[in-house]
């Protein structure tokens, strides 16, 4: 096998190993796995748990006025009925999931 073919094979192997990790860390995937059970599939807090806990939807004026940093802090440290995700998710996963959640407010 020539050198170019070996290098190409190694590059493909490296990217195939990284791709599943990147997909798992997308904001949508993290949100679906960790947030949707309370906040709803579309951020409307229309799930059973969301309704029972009276979670505010992403479209609520109080939620919409929160900054990205405020939402990240609540997700990281928890507040009220919101559990803390520090140590359960990476900082990047928290930020990605919050950014994804904020798309529902538009």
C-alpha atoms as a PDB file:
ATOM      1  CA  UNK A   1       0.000   0.000   0.000  1.00  0.00           C
ATOM      2  CA  UNK A   2       1.424   3.411  -0.876  1.00  0.00           C
ATOM      3  CA  UNK A   3       1.926   6.220   1.630  1.00  0.00           C
ATOM      4  CA  UNK A   4      -0.958   8.373   0.359  1.00  0.00           C
ATOM      5  CA  UNK A   5      -3.414   5.508   0.744  1.00  0.00           C
ATOM      6  CA  UNK A   6      -2.210   4.823   4.294  1.00  0.00           C
ATOM      7  CA  UNK A   7      -2.535   8.471   5.286  1.00  0.00           C
ATOM      8  CA  UNK A   8      -6.011   8.675   3.749  1.00  0.00           C
ATOM      9  CA  UNK A   9      -7.028   5.529   5.607  1.00  0.00           C
ATOM     10  CA  UNK A  10      -5.752   6.879   8.917  1.00  0.00           C
ATOM     11  CA  UNK A  11      -7.557  10.193   8.405  1.00  0.00           C
ATOM     12  CA  UNK A  12     -10.831   8.405   7.637  1.00  0.00           C
ATOM     13  CA  UNK A  13     -10.400   6.173  10.665  1.00  0.00           C
ATOM     14  CA  UNK A  14      -9.740   9.159  12.925  1.00  0.00           C
ATOM     15  CA  UNK A  15     -12.801  11.058  11.697  1.00  0.00           C
ATOM     16  CA  UNK A  16     -15.059   8.019  11.964  1.00  0.00           C
ATOM     17  CA  UNK A  17     -14.086   7.675  15.620  1.00  0.00           C
ATOM     18  CA  UNK A  18     -14.726  11.364  16.346  1.00  0.00           C
ATOM     19  CA  UNK A  19     -18.025  11.748  14.460  1.00  0.00           C
ATOM     20  CA  UNK A  20     -20.217   9.847  16.972  1.00  0.00           C
ATOM     21  CA  UNK A  21     -18.796  11.901  19.852  1.00  0.00           C
ATOM     22  CA  UNK A  22     -19.516  15.151  18.036  1.00  0.00           C
ATOM     23  CA  UNK A  23     -23.056  14.034  17.220  1.00  0.00           C
ATOM     24  CA  UNK A  24     -23.718  13.108  20.852  1.00  0.00           C
ATOM     25  CA  UNK A  25     -22.609  16.550  21.993  1.00  0.00           C
ATOM     26  CA  UNK A  26     -24.884  18.551  19.707  1.00  0.00           C
ATOM     27  CA  UNK A  27     -27.262  20.869  21.496  1.00  0.00           C
ATOM     28  CA  UNK A  28     -30.279  19.103  20.019  1.00  0.00           C
ATOM     29  CA  UNK A  29     -29.096  15.686  21.173  1.00  0.00           C
ATOM     30  CA  UNK A  30     -28.249  16.861  24.685  1.00  0.00           C
ATOM     31  CA  UNK A  31     -31.576  18.702  24.916  1.00  0.00           C
ATOM     32  CA  UNK A  32     -33.535  15.640  23.784  1.00  0.00           C
ATOM     33  CA  UNK A  33     -31.688  13.384  26.227  1.00  0.00           C
ATOM     34  CA  UNK A  34     -31.631  15.625  29.295  1.00  0.00           C
ATOM     35  CA  UNK A  35     -34.113  18.491  28.943  1.00  0.00           C
ATOM     36  CA  UNK A  36     -37.123  17.535  26.832  1.00  0.00           C
ATOM     37  CA  UNK A  37     -38.717  15.382  29.525  1.00  0.00           C
ATOM     38  CA  UNK A  38     -39.549  18.565  31.463  1.00  0.00           C
ATOM     39  CA  UNK A  39     -39.198  21.377  28.924  1.00  0.00           C
ATOM     40  CA  UNK A  40     -41.009  19.523  26.129  1.00  0.00           C
ATOM     41  CA  UNK A  41     -39.811  18.448  22.696  1.00  0.00           C
ATOM     42  CA  UNK A  42     -40.286  21.975  21.354  1.00  0.00           C
ATOM     43  CA  UNK A  43     -39.591  24.009  24.504  1.00  0.00           C
ATOM     44  CA  UNK A  44     -43.253  24.566  25.318  1.00  0.00           C
ATOM     45  CA  UNK A  45     -43.092  22.663  28.633  1.00  0.00           C
ATOM     46  CA  UNK A  46     -46.031  20.600  27.407  1.00  0.00           C
ATOM     47  CA  UNK A  47     -44.721  17.254  28.648  1.00  0.00           C
ATOM     48  CA  UNK A  48     -46.361  15.511  31.579  1.00  0.00           C
ATOM     49  CA  UNK A  49     -43.517  16.464  33.903  1.00  0.00           C
ATOM     50  CA  UNK A  50     -43.415  20.015  32.556  1.00  0.00           C
ATOM     51  CA  UNK A  51     -47.120  20.494  33.180  1.00  0.00           C
ATOM     52  CA  UNK A  52     -46.966  18.907  36.642  1.00  0.00           C
ATOM     53  CA  UNK A  53     -44.065  21.135  37.713  1.00  0.00           C
ATOM     54  CA  UNK A  54     -45.501  24.204  35.965  1.00  0.00           C
ATOM     55  CA  UNK A  55     -42.324  24.735  33.951  1.00  0.00           C
ATOM     56  CA  UNK A  56     -42.410  27.987  31.989  1.00  0.00           C
ATOM     57  CA  UNK A  57     -42.182  27.563  28.209  1.00  0.00           C
ATOM     58  CA  UNK A  58     -39.317  29.041  26.204  1.00  0.00           C
ATOM     59  CA  UNK A  59     -41.786  31.589  24.832  1.00  0.00           C
ATOM     60  CA  UNK A  60     -42.632  32.978  28.296  1.00  0.00           C
ATOM     61  CA  UNK A  61     -41.555  36.647  28.611  1.00  0.00           C
ATOM     62  CA  UNK A  62     -39.605  35.943  31.822  1.00  0.00           C
ATOM     63  CA  UNK A  63     -37.680  33.151  30.109  1.00  0.00           C
ATOM     64  CA  UNK A  64     -37.092  35.160  26.931  1.00  0.00           C
ATOM     65  CA  UNK A  65     -35.516  38.048  28.846  1.00  0.00           C
ATOM     66  CA  UNK A  66     -32.902  35.781  30.468  1.00  0.00           C
ATOM     67  CA  UNK A  67     -29.421  36.112  29.005  1.00  0.00           C
ATOM     68  CA  UNK A  68     -27.470  33.164  27.682  1.00  0.00           C
ATOM     69  CA  UNK A  69     -25.146  33.379  30.695  1.00  0.00           C
ATOM     70  CA  UNK A  70     -28.084  33.392  33.130  1.00  0.00           C
ATOM     71  CA  UNK A  71     -29.555  30.288  31.509  1.00  0.00           C
ATOM     72  CA  UNK A  72     -26.188  28.555  31.535  1.00  0.00           C
ATOM     73  CA  UNK A  73     -25.818  29.355  35.261  1.00  0.00           C
ATOM     74  CA  UNK A  74     -29.278  27.936  36.056  1.00  0.00           C
ATOM     75  CA  UNK A  75     -28.555  24.810  34.023  1.00  0.00           C
ATOM     76  CA  UNK A  76     -25.137  24.389  35.619  1.00  0.00           C
ATOM     77  CA  UNK A  77     -26.054  25.085  39.251  1.00  0.00           C
ATOM     78  CA  UNK A  78     -29.793  24.409  39.299  1.00  0.00           C
ATOM     79  CA  UNK A  79     -32.498  26.665  40.694  1.00  0.00           C
ATOM     80  CA  UNK A  80     -35.855  25.848  42.229  1.00  0.00           C
ATOM     81  CA  UNK A  81     -37.130  22.678  40.559  1.00  0.00           C
ATOM     82  CA  UNK A  82     -34.381  22.798  37.931  1.00  0.00           C
ATOM     83  CA  UNK A  83     -31.686  20.242  38.795  1.00  0.00           C
ATOM     84  CA  UNK A  84     -27.996  21.095  38.526  1.00  0.00           C
ATOM     85  CA  UNK A  85     -26.128  19.550  35.607  1.00  0.00           C
ATOM     86  CA  UNK A  86     -22.631  20.480  36.799  1.00  0.00           C
ATOM     87  CA  UNK A  87     -20.591  17.293  36.717  1.00  0.00           C
ATOM     88  CA  UNK A  88     -23.285  15.523  34.677  1.00  0.00           C
ATOM     89  CA  UNK A  89     -22.713  17.476  31.465  1.00  0.00           C
ATOM     90  CA  UNK A  90     -19.651  19.298  30.206  1.00  0.00           C
ATOM     91  CA  UNK A  91     -19.651  23.084  29.965  1.00  0.00           C
ATOM     92  CA  UNK A  92     -19.810  22.719  26.173  1.00  0.00           C
ATOM     93  CA  UNK A  93     -22.830  20.395  26.384  1.00  0.00           C
ATOM     94  CA  UNK A  94     -24.631  22.784  28.731  1.00  0.00           C
ATOM     95  CA  UNK A  95     -23.982  25.761  26.477  1.00  0.00           C
ATOM     96  CA  UNK A  96     -25.039  23.831  23.364  1.00  0.00           C
ATOM     97  CA  UNK A  97     -28.268  22.618  24.964  1.00  0.00           C
ATOM     98  CA  UNK A  98     -29.142  26.115  26.230  1.00  0.00           C
ATOM     99  CA  UNK A  99     -28.452  27.620  22.812  1.00  0.00           C
ATOM    100  CA  UNK A 100     -30.709  24.975  21.256  1.00  0.00           C
ATOM    101  CA  UNK A 101     -33.458  25.626  23.834  1.00  0.00           C
ATOM    102  CA  UNK A 102     -33.328  29.356  23.081  1.00  0.00           C
ATOM    103  CA  UNK A 103     -34.237  28.662  19.441  1.00  0.00           C
ATOM    104  CA  UNK A 104     -37.729  27.700  20.636  1.00  0.00           C
ATOM    105  CA  UNK A 105     -38.361  31.244  21.894  1.00  0.00           C
ATOM    106  CA  UNK A 106     -38.246  32.738  18.404  1.00  0.00           C
END
